[in-house]
């Protein structure tokens, strides 16, 4: 997964500022340039938005200086508009390889960068999106979990071209990825015989994939479960304490809805672990 140029979206909230904890990790994975974006909400009106735009640019300069300390080149944007639309447009114009965005946050003026922005970005963009997650410490401060993100990965498989493409990306990360949990979910509602046959067939296929990963030096575990895809994905992510979940935002394979938008949305919303969402055409 190429990460030479990363768009970092921020609303200057403590949670968003914690995204900077990912920089050393992303640089180790090849990041050379960061595109910093803060969108000034157009709904503030011209009188308030223009001063806010200047203030935001000054804040981004401070962030850029921190990144320069890591040897990362930067560009900064403070457009006035709707957050998701502006982020997606800048990502396309700059041809970034990844969008890094927090799962929640509150701006210094009003709530203009809510969770809905993150999910709108996911739906609109053709660029992979890394949705960072946070936990609250005893002091109620935001704590980033951006540590060894690709060390132990949960990889949902639905046998679509999308999931096969993502699998190849993970293979290319051998040396960075140390362990993979291959998960396939047989959805409820089928007959017992159909479920049993599906479990057997999927297990055989995943065991072959697992062997390919092991030959690359990646420790691999195979899980085939019956249930609701998003629920199973989150359950196994927690049970295995993975450092991230990597999945597609669209797909249609033998398991028809595993990687459809509804499931990726549900996982992005409810997972306690960082989620990397890759469009099928990326």
C-alpha atoms as a PDB file:
ATOM      1  CA  UNK A   1       0.000   0.000   0.000  1.00  0.00           C
ATOM      2  CA  UNK A   2       1.744   3.178  -1.205  1.00  0.00           C
ATOM      3  CA  UNK A   3       1.640   6.076   1.249  1.00  0.00           C
ATOM      4  CA  UNK A   4       4.027   8.633  -0.217  1.00  0.00           C
ATOM      5  CA  UNK A   5       1.519  11.492  -0.133  1.00  0.00           C
ATOM      6  CA  UNK A   6      -1.030  11.651   2.695  1.00  0.00           C
ATOM      7  CA  UNK A   7      -3.873  14.119   3.203  1.00  0.00           C
ATOM      8  CA  UNK A   8      -4.330  14.877   6.901  1.00  0.00           C
ATOM      9  CA  UNK A   9      -7.713  16.412   7.693  1.00  0.00           C
ATOM     10  CA  UNK A  10      -7.965  18.346  10.945  1.00  0.00           C
ATOM     11  CA  UNK A  11     -10.464  20.454  12.848  1.00  0.00           C
ATOM     12  CA  UNK A  12      -7.864  21.417  15.499  1.00  0.00           C
ATOM     13  CA  UNK A  13      -9.681  19.441  18.191  1.00  0.00           C
ATOM     14  CA  UNK A  14      -7.512  17.477  20.658  1.00  0.00           C
ATOM     15  CA  UNK A  15      -8.582  14.273  18.912  1.00  0.00           C
ATOM     16  CA  UNK A  16      -7.587  15.599  15.502  1.00  0.00           C
ATOM     17  CA  UNK A  17      -4.260  16.866  16.831  1.00  0.00           C
ATOM     18  CA  UNK A  18      -3.511  13.331  18.008  1.00  0.00           C
ATOM     19  CA  UNK A  19      -3.339  12.329  14.341  1.00  0.00           C
ATOM     20  CA  UNK A  20       0.184  13.723  14.420  1.00  0.00           C
ATOM     21  CA  UNK A  21       1.168  10.711  16.512  1.00  0.00           C
ATOM     22  CA  UNK A  22       0.845   8.719  13.292  1.00  0.00           C
ATOM     23  CA  UNK A  23       3.475  10.691  11.425  1.00  0.00           C
ATOM     24  CA  UNK A  24       6.565   8.722  12.424  1.00  0.00           C
ATOM     25  CA  UNK A  25       4.763   5.482  11.618  1.00  0.00           C
ATOM     26  CA  UNK A  26       3.516   6.706   8.249  1.00  0.00           C
ATOM     27  CA  UNK A  27       6.947   8.088   7.400  1.00  0.00           C
ATOM     28  CA  UNK A  28       8.442   4.681   8.160  1.00  0.00           C
ATOM     29  CA  UNK A  29       5.975   3.282   5.629  1.00  0.00           C
ATOM     30  CA  UNK A  30       7.117   5.688   2.935  1.00  0.00           C
ATOM     31  CA  UNK A  31       5.250   8.958   3.511  1.00  0.00           C
ATOM     32  CA  UNK A  32       7.195  11.827   1.956  1.00  0.00           C
ATOM     33  CA  UNK A  33       4.597  14.592   1.788  1.00  0.00           C
ATOM     34  CA  UNK A  34       1.579  15.643   3.853  1.00  0.00           C
ATOM     35  CA  UNK A  35      -1.322  17.717   2.552  1.00  0.00           C
ATOM     36  CA  UNK A  36      -2.838  19.503   5.557  1.00  0.00           C
ATOM     37  CA  UNK A  37      -6.501  20.462   5.249  1.00  0.00           C
ATOM     38  CA  UNK A  38      -8.822  22.405   7.514  1.00  0.00           C
ATOM     39  CA  UNK A  39     -12.192  23.304   6.048  1.00  0.00           C
ATOM     40  CA  UNK A  40     -13.870  26.482   7.268  1.00  0.00           C
ATOM     41  CA  UNK A  41     -17.606  25.878   7.393  1.00  0.00           C
ATOM     42  CA  UNK A  42     -19.346  27.969   4.747  1.00  0.00           C
ATOM     43  CA  UNK A  43     -22.359  28.192   7.032  1.00  0.00           C
ATOM     44  CA  UNK A  44     -20.438  30.558   9.323  1.00  0.00           C
ATOM     45  CA  UNK A  45     -21.009  33.317   6.778  1.00  0.00           C
ATOM     46  CA  UNK A  46     -18.475  35.553   5.037  1.00  0.00           C
ATOM     47  CA  UNK A  47     -17.950  37.910   7.977  1.00  0.00           C
ATOM     48  CA  UNK A  48     -16.863  35.085  10.286  1.00  0.00           C
ATOM     49  CA  UNK A  49     -15.365  32.647   7.794  1.00  0.00           C
ATOM     50  CA  UNK A  50     -12.652  34.863   6.314  1.00  0.00           C
ATOM     51  CA  UNK A  51     -10.990  35.685   9.684  1.00  0.00           C
ATOM     52  CA  UNK A  52     -11.375  32.036  10.617  1.00  0.00           C
ATOM     53  CA  UNK A  53      -9.659  31.031   7.399  1.00  0.00           C
ATOM     54  CA  UNK A  54      -6.622  33.191   8.225  1.00  0.00           C
ATOM     55  CA  UNK A  55      -6.447  31.832  11.766  1.00  0.00           C
ATOM     56  CA  UNK A  56      -6.670  28.280  10.437  1.00  0.00           C
ATOM     57  CA  UNK A  57      -3.822  28.894   8.020  1.00  0.00           C
ATOM     58  CA  UNK A  58      -1.621  30.076  10.897  1.00  0.00           C
ATOM     59  CA  UNK A  59      -2.461  26.932  12.853  1.00  0.00           C
ATOM     60  CA  UNK A  60      -1.621  24.739   9.880  1.00  0.00           C
ATOM     61  CA  UNK A  61       1.745  26.478   9.602  1.00  0.00           C
ATOM     62  CA  UNK A  62       2.495  25.361  13.169  1.00  0.00           C
ATOM     63  CA  UNK A  63       1.545  21.818  12.250  1.00  0.00           C
ATOM     64  CA  UNK A  64       3.692  21.993   9.115  1.00  0.00           C
ATOM     65  CA  UNK A  65       6.713  22.963  11.199  1.00  0.00           C
ATOM     66  CA  UNK A  66       6.260  19.827  13.303  1.00  0.00           C
ATOM     67  CA  UNK A  67       6.114  17.696  10.172  1.00  0.00           C
ATOM     68  CA  UNK A  68       9.200  19.334   8.739  1.00  0.00           C
ATOM     69  CA  UNK A  69      10.972  18.053  11.848  1.00  0.00           C
ATOM     70  CA  UNK A  70      10.274  14.536  10.577  1.00  0.00           C
ATOM     71  CA  UNK A  71      11.592  15.433   7.136  1.00  0.00           C
ATOM     72  CA  UNK A  72       8.083  15.513   5.642  1.00  0.00           C
ATOM     73  CA  UNK A  73       7.218  18.079   2.964  1.00  0.00           C
ATOM     74  CA  UNK A  74       3.874  19.843   3.407  1.00  0.00           C
ATOM     75  CA  UNK A  75       1.139  21.758   1.627  1.00  0.00           C
ATOM     76  CA  UNK A  76      -1.687  23.520   3.458  1.00  0.00           C
ATOM     77  CA  UNK A  77      -5.279  24.248   2.447  1.00  0.00           C
ATOM     78  CA  UNK A  78      -7.981  26.149   4.337  1.00  0.00           C
ATOM     79  CA  UNK A  79     -10.922  26.268   1.900  1.00  0.00           C
ATOM     80  CA  UNK A  80     -14.326  27.654   2.802  1.00  0.00           C
ATOM     81  CA  UNK A  81     -17.040  25.133   2.048  1.00  0.00           C
ATOM     82  CA  UNK A  82     -18.495  21.811   3.151  1.00  0.00           C
ATOM     83  CA  UNK A  83     -15.872  19.653   4.840  1.00  0.00           C
ATOM     84  CA  UNK A  84     -16.323  16.295   3.096  1.00  0.00           C
ATOM     85  CA  UNK A  85     -16.635  17.801  -0.387  1.00  0.00           C
ATOM     86  CA  UNK A  86     -13.543  19.984   0.014  1.00  0.00           C
ATOM     87  CA  UNK A  87     -11.452  17.155   1.457  1.00  0.00           C
ATOM     88  CA  UNK A  88     -12.369  14.820  -1.390  1.00  0.00           C
ATOM     89  CA  UNK A  89     -11.706  17.444  -4.055  1.00  0.00           C
ATOM     90  CA  UNK A  90      -8.290  18.336  -2.629  1.00  0.00           C
ATOM     91  CA  UNK A  91      -7.367  14.658  -2.303  1.00  0.00           C
ATOM     92  CA  UNK A  92      -8.161  14.167  -5.984  1.00  0.00           C
ATOM     93  CA  UNK A  93      -6.377  17.322  -7.163  1.00  0.00           C
ATOM     94  CA  UNK A  94      -3.256  16.489  -5.134  1.00  0.00           C
ATOM     95  CA  UNK A  95      -3.383  12.804  -6.134  1.00  0.00           C
ATOM     96  CA  UNK A  96      -2.800  11.692  -2.553  1.00  0.00           C
ATOM     97  CA  UNK A  97      -2.384   8.021  -1.772  1.00  0.00           C
ATOM     98  CA  UNK A  98      -4.198   8.105   1.586  1.00  0.00           C
ATOM     99  CA  UNK A  99      -6.618  10.297   3.554  1.00  0.00           C
ATOM    100  CA  UNK A 100      -5.985  10.283   7.308  1.00  0.00           C
ATOM    101  CA  UNK A 101      -8.962  11.444   9.351  1.00  0.00           C
ATOM    102  CA  UNK A 102     -10.188  11.135  12.931  1.00  0.00           C
ATOM    103  CA  UNK A 103     -13.382   9.357  13.817  1.00  0.00           C
ATOM    104  CA  UNK A 104     -14.733  12.277  15.785  1.00  0.00           C
ATOM    105  CA  UNK A 105     -13.891  15.803  16.819  1.00  0.00           C
ATOM    106  CA  UNK A 106     -15.288  19.227  17.690  1.00  0.00           C
ATOM    107  CA  UNK A 107     -14.066  22.451  16.138  1.00  0.00           C
ATOM    108  CA  UNK A 108     -13.002  25.555  18.032  1.00  0.00           C
ATOM    109  CA  UNK A 109     -16.079  27.413  16.757  1.00  0.00           C
ATOM    110  CA  UNK A 110     -18.877  24.897  16.419  1.00  0.00           C
ATOM    111  CA  UNK A 111     -19.413  21.330  15.329  1.00  0.00           C
ATOM    112  CA  UNK A 112     -18.407  21.424  11.676  1.00  0.00           C
ATOM    113  CA  UNK A 113     -16.258  18.308  11.519  1.00  0.00           C
ATOM    114  CA  UNK A 114     -18.471  15.653  13.062  1.00  0.00           C
ATOM    115  CA  UNK A 115     -18.450  11.942  12.438  1.00  0.00           C
ATOM    116  CA  UNK A 116     -20.776  12.445   9.503  1.00  0.00           C
ATOM    117  CA  UNK A 117     -17.958  14.234   7.675  1.00  0.00           C
ATOM    118  CA  UNK A 118     -15.718  11.213   8.019  1.00  0.00           C
ATOM    119  CA  UNK A 119     -18.341   8.888   6.604  1.00  0.00           C
ATOM    120  CA  UNK A 120     -19.237  11.268   3.796  1.00  0.00           C
ATOM    121  CA  UNK A 121     -15.554  11.323   2.835  1.00  0.00           C
ATOM    122  CA  UNK A 122     -15.522   7.525   2.775  1.00  0.00           C
ATOM    123  CA  UNK A 123     -18.540   7.414   0.471  1.00  0.00           C
ATOM    124  CA  UNK A 124     -17.360  10.141  -1.903  1.00  0.00           C
ATOM    125  CA  UNK A 125     -13.660   9.456  -2.361  1.00  0.00           C
ATOM    126  CA  UNK A 126     -11.773   7.031  -4.571  1.00  0.00           C
ATOM    127  CA  UNK A 127      -8.766   7.295  -2.238  1.00  0.00           C
ATOM    128  CA  UNK A 128      -8.094   4.868   0.664  1.00  0.00           C
ATOM    129  CA  UNK A 129      -9.154   6.358   4.005  1.00  0.00           C
ATOM    130  CA  UNK A 130      -7.514   5.631   7.342  1.00  0.00           C
ATOM    131  CA  UNK A 131     -10.055   6.323  10.090  1.00  0.00           C
ATOM    132  CA  UNK A 132      -8.164   6.811  13.331  1.00  0.00           C
ATOM    133  CA  UNK A 133      -9.839   5.819  16.582  1.00  0.00           C
ATOM    134  CA  UNK A 134      -9.308   7.167  20.069  1.00  0.00           C
ATOM    135  CA  UNK A 135      -9.913   6.089  23.619  1.00  0.00           C
ATOM    136  CA  UNK A 136     -10.385   8.318  26.620  1.00  0.00           C
ATOM    137  CA  UNK A 137      -7.821   8.199  29.404  1.00  0.00           C
ATOM    138  CA  UNK A 138      -8.556   8.802  33.083  1.00  0.00           C
ATOM    139  CA  UNK A 139      -7.897  12.498  32.532  1.00  0.00           C
ATOM    140  CA  UNK A 140     -10.562  12.557  29.787  1.00  0.00           C
ATOM    141  CA  UNK A 141      -7.906  13.495  27.247  1.00  0.00           C
ATOM    142  CA  UNK A 142      -7.925  11.921  23.799  1.00  0.00           C
ATOM    143  CA  UNK A 143      -5.358   9.186  23.436  1.00  0.00           C
ATOM    144  CA  UNK A 144      -4.306   8.044  19.981  1.00  0.00           C
ATOM    145  CA  UNK A 145      -4.041   4.343  19.270  1.00  0.00           C
ATOM    146  CA  UNK A 146      -1.899   5.032  16.234  1.00  0.00           C
ATOM    147  CA  UNK A 147       0.815   2.610  17.288  1.00  0.00           C
ATOM    148  CA  UNK A 148       2.177  -0.192  15.064  1.00  0.00           C
ATOM    149  CA  UNK A 149      -0.972   0.147  12.996  1.00  0.00           C
ATOM    150  CA  UNK A 150      -0.177  -2.561  10.470  1.00  0.00           C
ATOM    151  CA  UNK A 151       1.472  -4.990  12.830  1.00  0.00           C
ATOM    152  CA  UNK A 152      -1.614  -7.173  13.296  1.00  0.00           C
ATOM    153  CA  UNK A 153      -4.361  -6.764  10.692  1.00  0.00           C
ATOM    154  CA  UNK A 154      -7.904  -8.107  10.496  1.00  0.00           C
ATOM    155  CA  UNK A 155      -8.719  -8.705   6.831  1.00  0.00           C
ATOM    156  CA  UNK A 156     -12.387  -9.489   5.993  1.00  0.00           C
ATOM    157  CA  UNK A 157     -12.675 -11.567   2.813  1.00  0.00           C
ATOM    158  CA  UNK A 158     -15.803 -11.875   0.644  1.00  0.00           C
ATOM    159  CA  UNK A 159     -14.111 -13.386  -2.443  1.00  0.00           C
ATOM    160  CA  UNK A 160     -14.917 -10.324  -4.576  1.00  0.00           C
ATOM    161  CA  UNK A 161     -12.356  -8.715  -6.868  1.00  0.00           C
ATOM    162  CA  UNK A 162     -12.226  -5.911  -4.331  1.00  0.00           C
ATOM    163  CA  UNK A 163     -11.137  -8.136  -1.468  1.00  0.00           C
ATOM    164  CA  UNK A 164      -8.664  -9.956  -3.719  1.00  0.00           C
ATOM    165  CA  UNK A 165      -7.139  -6.609  -4.650  1.00  0.00           C
ATOM    166  CA  UNK A 166      -6.833  -5.643  -0.995  1.00  0.00           C
ATOM    167  CA  UNK A 167      -5.239  -8.995  -0.236  1.00  0.00           C
ATOM    168  CA  UNK A 168      -2.552  -8.248  -2.832  1.00  0.00           C
ATOM    169  CA  UNK A 169      -1.910  -4.881  -1.190  1.00  0.00           C
ATOM    170  CA  UNK A 170      -1.446  -6.611   2.157  1.00  0.00           C
ATOM    171  CA  UNK A 171       0.952  -9.112   0.606  1.00  0.00           C
ATOM    172  CA  UNK A 172       2.991  -6.205  -0.715  1.00  0.00           C
ATOM    173  CA  UNK A 173       3.317  -4.981   2.876  1.00  0.00           C
ATOM    174  CA  UNK A 174       5.174  -8.113   4.010  1.00  0.00           C
ATOM    175  CA  UNK A 175       7.840  -6.946   6.408  1.00  0.00           C
ATOM    176  CA  UNK A 176       5.513  -4.302   7.826  1.00  0.00           C
ATOM    177  CA  UNK A 177       2.502  -6.535   8.433  1.00  0.00           C
ATOM    178  CA  UNK A 178       3.477  -9.247  10.881  1.00  0.00           C
ATOM    179  CA  UNK A 179       0.167 -11.015  11.465  1.00  0.00           C
ATOM    180  CA  UNK A 180      -3.151 -11.294   9.595  1.00  0.00           C
ATOM    181  CA  UNK A 181      -6.529 -12.587  10.718  1.00  0.00           C
ATOM    182  CA  UNK A 182      -8.451 -13.755   7.628  1.00  0.00           C
ATOM    183  CA  UNK A 183     -12.166 -13.529   8.382  1.00  0.00           C
ATOM    184  CA  UNK A 184     -15.092 -14.713   6.294  1.00  0.00           C
ATOM    185  CA  UNK A 185     -18.672 -14.462   7.530  1.00  0.00           C
ATOM    186  CA  UNK A 186     -21.425 -16.795   6.371  1.00  0.00           C
ATOM    187  CA  UNK A 187     -24.577 -14.756   6.748  1.00  0.00           C
ATOM    188  CA  UNK A 188     -27.535 -16.083   8.662  1.00  0.00           C
ATOM    189  CA  UNK A 189     -30.722 -17.114   6.910  1.00  0.00           C
ATOM    190  CA  UNK A 190     -29.388 -20.007   4.856  1.00  0.00           C
ATOM    191  CA  UNK A 191     -30.322 -23.650   5.568  1.00  0.00           C
ATOM    192  CA  UNK A 192     -28.082 -25.631   7.913  1.00  0.00           C
ATOM    193  CA  UNK A 193     -26.781 -27.654   4.969  1.00  0.00           C
ATOM    194  CA  UNK A 194     -25.956 -24.541   2.954  1.00  0.00           C
ATOM    195  CA  UNK A 195     -24.207 -22.968   5.925  1.00  0.00           C
ATOM    196  CA  UNK A 196     -22.148 -26.099   6.516  1.00  0.00           C
ATOM    197  CA  UNK A 197     -21.166 -26.344   2.856  1.00  0.00           C
ATOM    198  CA  UNK A 198     -20.251 -22.658   2.766  1.00  0.00           C
ATOM    199  CA  UNK A 199     -18.126 -22.954   5.898  1.00  0.00           C
ATOM    200  CA  UNK A 200     -16.246 -25.919   4.443  1.00  0.00           C
ATOM    201  CA  UNK A 201     -15.627 -24.260   1.083  1.00  0.00           C
ATOM    202  CA  UNK A 202     -14.596 -20.924   2.530  1.00  0.00           C
ATOM    203  CA  UNK A 203     -12.264 -22.545   5.038  1.00  0.00           C
ATOM    204  CA  UNK A 204     -10.473 -24.470   2.300  1.00  0.00           C
ATOM    205  CA  UNK A 205     -10.008 -21.319   0.255  1.00  0.00           C
ATOM    206  CA  UNK A 206      -8.787 -19.251   3.193  1.00  0.00           C
ATOM    207  CA  UNK A 207      -6.315 -21.934   4.216  1.00  0.00           C
ATOM    208  CA  UNK A 208      -4.746 -21.630   0.764  1.00  0.00           C
ATOM    209  CA  UNK A 209      -4.546 -17.855   1.141  1.00  0.00           C
ATOM    210  CA  UNK A 210      -3.092 -18.265   4.617  1.00  0.00           C
ATOM    211  CA  UNK A 211      -0.316 -20.465   3.261  1.00  0.00           C
ATOM    212  CA  UNK A 212       0.566 -17.800   0.683  1.00  0.00           C
ATOM    213  CA  UNK A 213       0.857 -15.215   3.453  1.00  0.00           C
ATOM    214  CA  UNK A 214       2.949 -17.518   5.636  1.00  0.00           C
ATOM    215  CA  UNK A 215       5.381 -18.028   2.787  1.00  0.00           C
ATOM    216  CA  UNK A 216       5.860 -14.247   2.843  1.00  0.00           C
ATOM    217  CA  UNK A 217       6.684 -14.412   6.543  1.00  0.00           C
ATOM    218  CA  UNK A 218       3.260 -13.227   7.735  1.00  0.00           C
ATOM    219  CA  UNK A 219       1.715 -15.203  10.587  1.00  0.00           C
ATOM    220  CA  UNK A 220      -1.900 -15.979   9.650  1.00  0.00           C
ATOM    221  CA  UNK A 221      -5.073 -17.192  11.365  1.00  0.00           C
ATOM    222  CA  UNK A 222      -8.243 -18.279   9.561  1.00  0.00           C
ATOM    223  CA  UNK A 223     -11.724 -17.602  10.965  1.00  0.00           C
ATOM    224  CA  UNK A 224     -15.025 -18.622   9.339  1.00  0.00           C
ATOM    225  CA  UNK A 225     -18.084 -17.598  11.314  1.00  0.00           C
ATOM    226  CA  UNK A 226     -21.854 -17.467  10.900  1.00  0.00           C
ATOM    227  CA  UNK A 227     -23.518 -14.167  11.733  1.00  0.00           C
ATOM    228  CA  UNK A 228     -23.848 -10.494  10.868  1.00  0.00           C
ATOM    229  CA  UNK A 229     -20.678  -9.337   9.063  1.00  0.00           C
ATOM    230  CA  UNK A 230     -20.101  -6.035  10.859  1.00  0.00           C
ATOM    231  CA  UNK A 231     -20.754  -7.583  14.262  1.00  0.00           C
ATOM    232  CA  UNK A 232     -18.361 -10.463  13.582  1.00  0.00           C
ATOM    233  CA  UNK A 233     -15.682  -8.122  12.244  1.00  0.00           C
ATOM    234  CA  UNK A 234     -15.772  -5.958  15.370  1.00  0.00           C
ATOM    235  CA  UNK A 235     -15.948  -8.963  17.679  1.00  0.00           C
ATOM    236  CA  UNK A 236     -12.849 -10.581  16.210  1.00  0.00           C
ATOM    237  CA  UNK A 237     -11.003  -7.268  16.016  1.00  0.00           C
ATOM    238  CA  UNK A 238     -11.375  -6.953  19.766  1.00  0.00           C
ATOM    239  CA  UNK A 239     -10.816 -10.634  20.549  1.00  0.00           C
ATOM    240  CA  UNK A 240      -7.556 -10.654  18.603  1.00  0.00           C
ATOM    241  CA  UNK A 241      -6.624  -7.099  19.650  1.00  0.00           C
ATOM    242  CA  UNK A 242      -5.701  -6.204  16.083  1.00  0.00           C
ATOM    243  CA  UNK A 243      -3.957  -2.922  15.370  1.00  0.00           C
ATOM    244  CA  UNK A 244      -6.199  -2.190  12.382  1.00  0.00           C
ATOM    245  CA  UNK A 245      -9.001  -3.490  10.179  1.00  0.00           C
ATOM    246  CA  UNK A 246      -8.441  -3.268   6.420  1.00  0.00           C
ATOM    247  CA  UNK A 247     -11.487  -3.670   4.199  1.00  0.00           C
ATOM    248  CA  UNK A 248     -13.145  -2.436   1.025  1.00  0.00           C
ATOM    249  CA  UNK A 249     -15.919   0.096   0.769  1.00  0.00           C
ATOM    250  CA  UNK A 250     -17.726  -1.780  -1.978  1.00  0.00           C
ATOM    251  CA  UNK A 251     -17.859  -5.340  -3.193  1.00  0.00           C
ATOM    252  CA  UNK A 252     -20.078  -8.177  -4.318  1.00  0.00           C
ATOM    253  CA  UNK A 253     -18.770 -11.686  -4.057  1.00  0.00           C
ATOM    254  CA  UNK A 254     -19.913 -15.077  -2.845  1.00  0.00           C
ATOM    255  CA  UNK A 255     -20.993 -13.425   0.379  1.00  0.00           C
ATOM    256  CA  UNK A 256     -23.077 -10.682  -1.121  1.00  0.00           C
ATOM    257  CA  UNK A 257     -23.038  -7.954   1.509  1.00  0.00           C
ATOM    258  CA  UNK A 258     -19.845  -8.400   3.521  1.00  0.00           C
ATOM    259  CA  UNK A 259     -17.985  -5.532   1.905  1.00  0.00           C
ATOM    260  CA  UNK A 260     -20.898  -3.405   0.775  1.00  0.00           C
ATOM    261  CA  UNK A 261     -21.171   0.185   1.935  1.00  0.00           C
ATOM    262  CA  UNK A 262     -23.563  -0.657   4.751  1.00  0.00           C
ATOM    263  CA  UNK A 263     -21.059  -3.008   6.360  1.00  0.00           C
ATOM    264  CA  UNK A 264     -18.027  -0.774   5.923  1.00  0.00           C
ATOM    265  CA  UNK A 265     -20.048   2.131   7.324  1.00  0.00           C
ATOM    266  CA  UNK A 266     -21.108   0.053  10.311  1.00  0.00           C
ATOM    267  CA  UNK A 267     -17.557  -1.078  11.011  1.00  0.00           C
ATOM    268  CA  UNK A 268     -16.137   2.431  10.636  1.00  0.00           C
ATOM    269  CA  UNK A 269     -18.778   3.773  13.016  1.00  0.00           C
ATOM    270  CA  UNK A 270     -18.597   1.123  15.708  1.00  0.00           C
ATOM    271  CA  UNK A 271     -15.093  -0.371  15.634  1.00  0.00           C
ATOM    272  CA  UNK A 272     -12.810   0.486  18.506  1.00  0.00           C
ATOM    273  CA  UNK A 273      -9.787  -0.179  16.295  1.00  0.00           C
ATOM    274  CA  UNK A 274      -8.421   1.960  13.452  1.00  0.00           C
ATOM    275  CA  UNK A 275     -10.054   1.142  10.116  1.00  0.00           C
ATOM    276  CA  UNK A 276      -8.472   1.412   6.661  1.00  0.00           C
ATOM    277  CA  UNK A 277     -11.172   1.607   3.983  1.00  0.00           C
ATOM    278  CA  UNK A 278     -10.062   1.009   0.402  1.00  0.00           C
ATOM    279  CA  UNK A 279     -12.353   1.702  -2.582  1.00  0.00           C
ATOM    280  CA  UNK A 280     -12.467  -1.179  -5.006  1.00  0.00           C
ATOM    281  CA  UNK A 281     -11.082   0.910  -7.822  1.00  0.00           C
ATOM    282  CA  UNK A 282      -8.060   2.188  -5.866  1.00  0.00           C
END
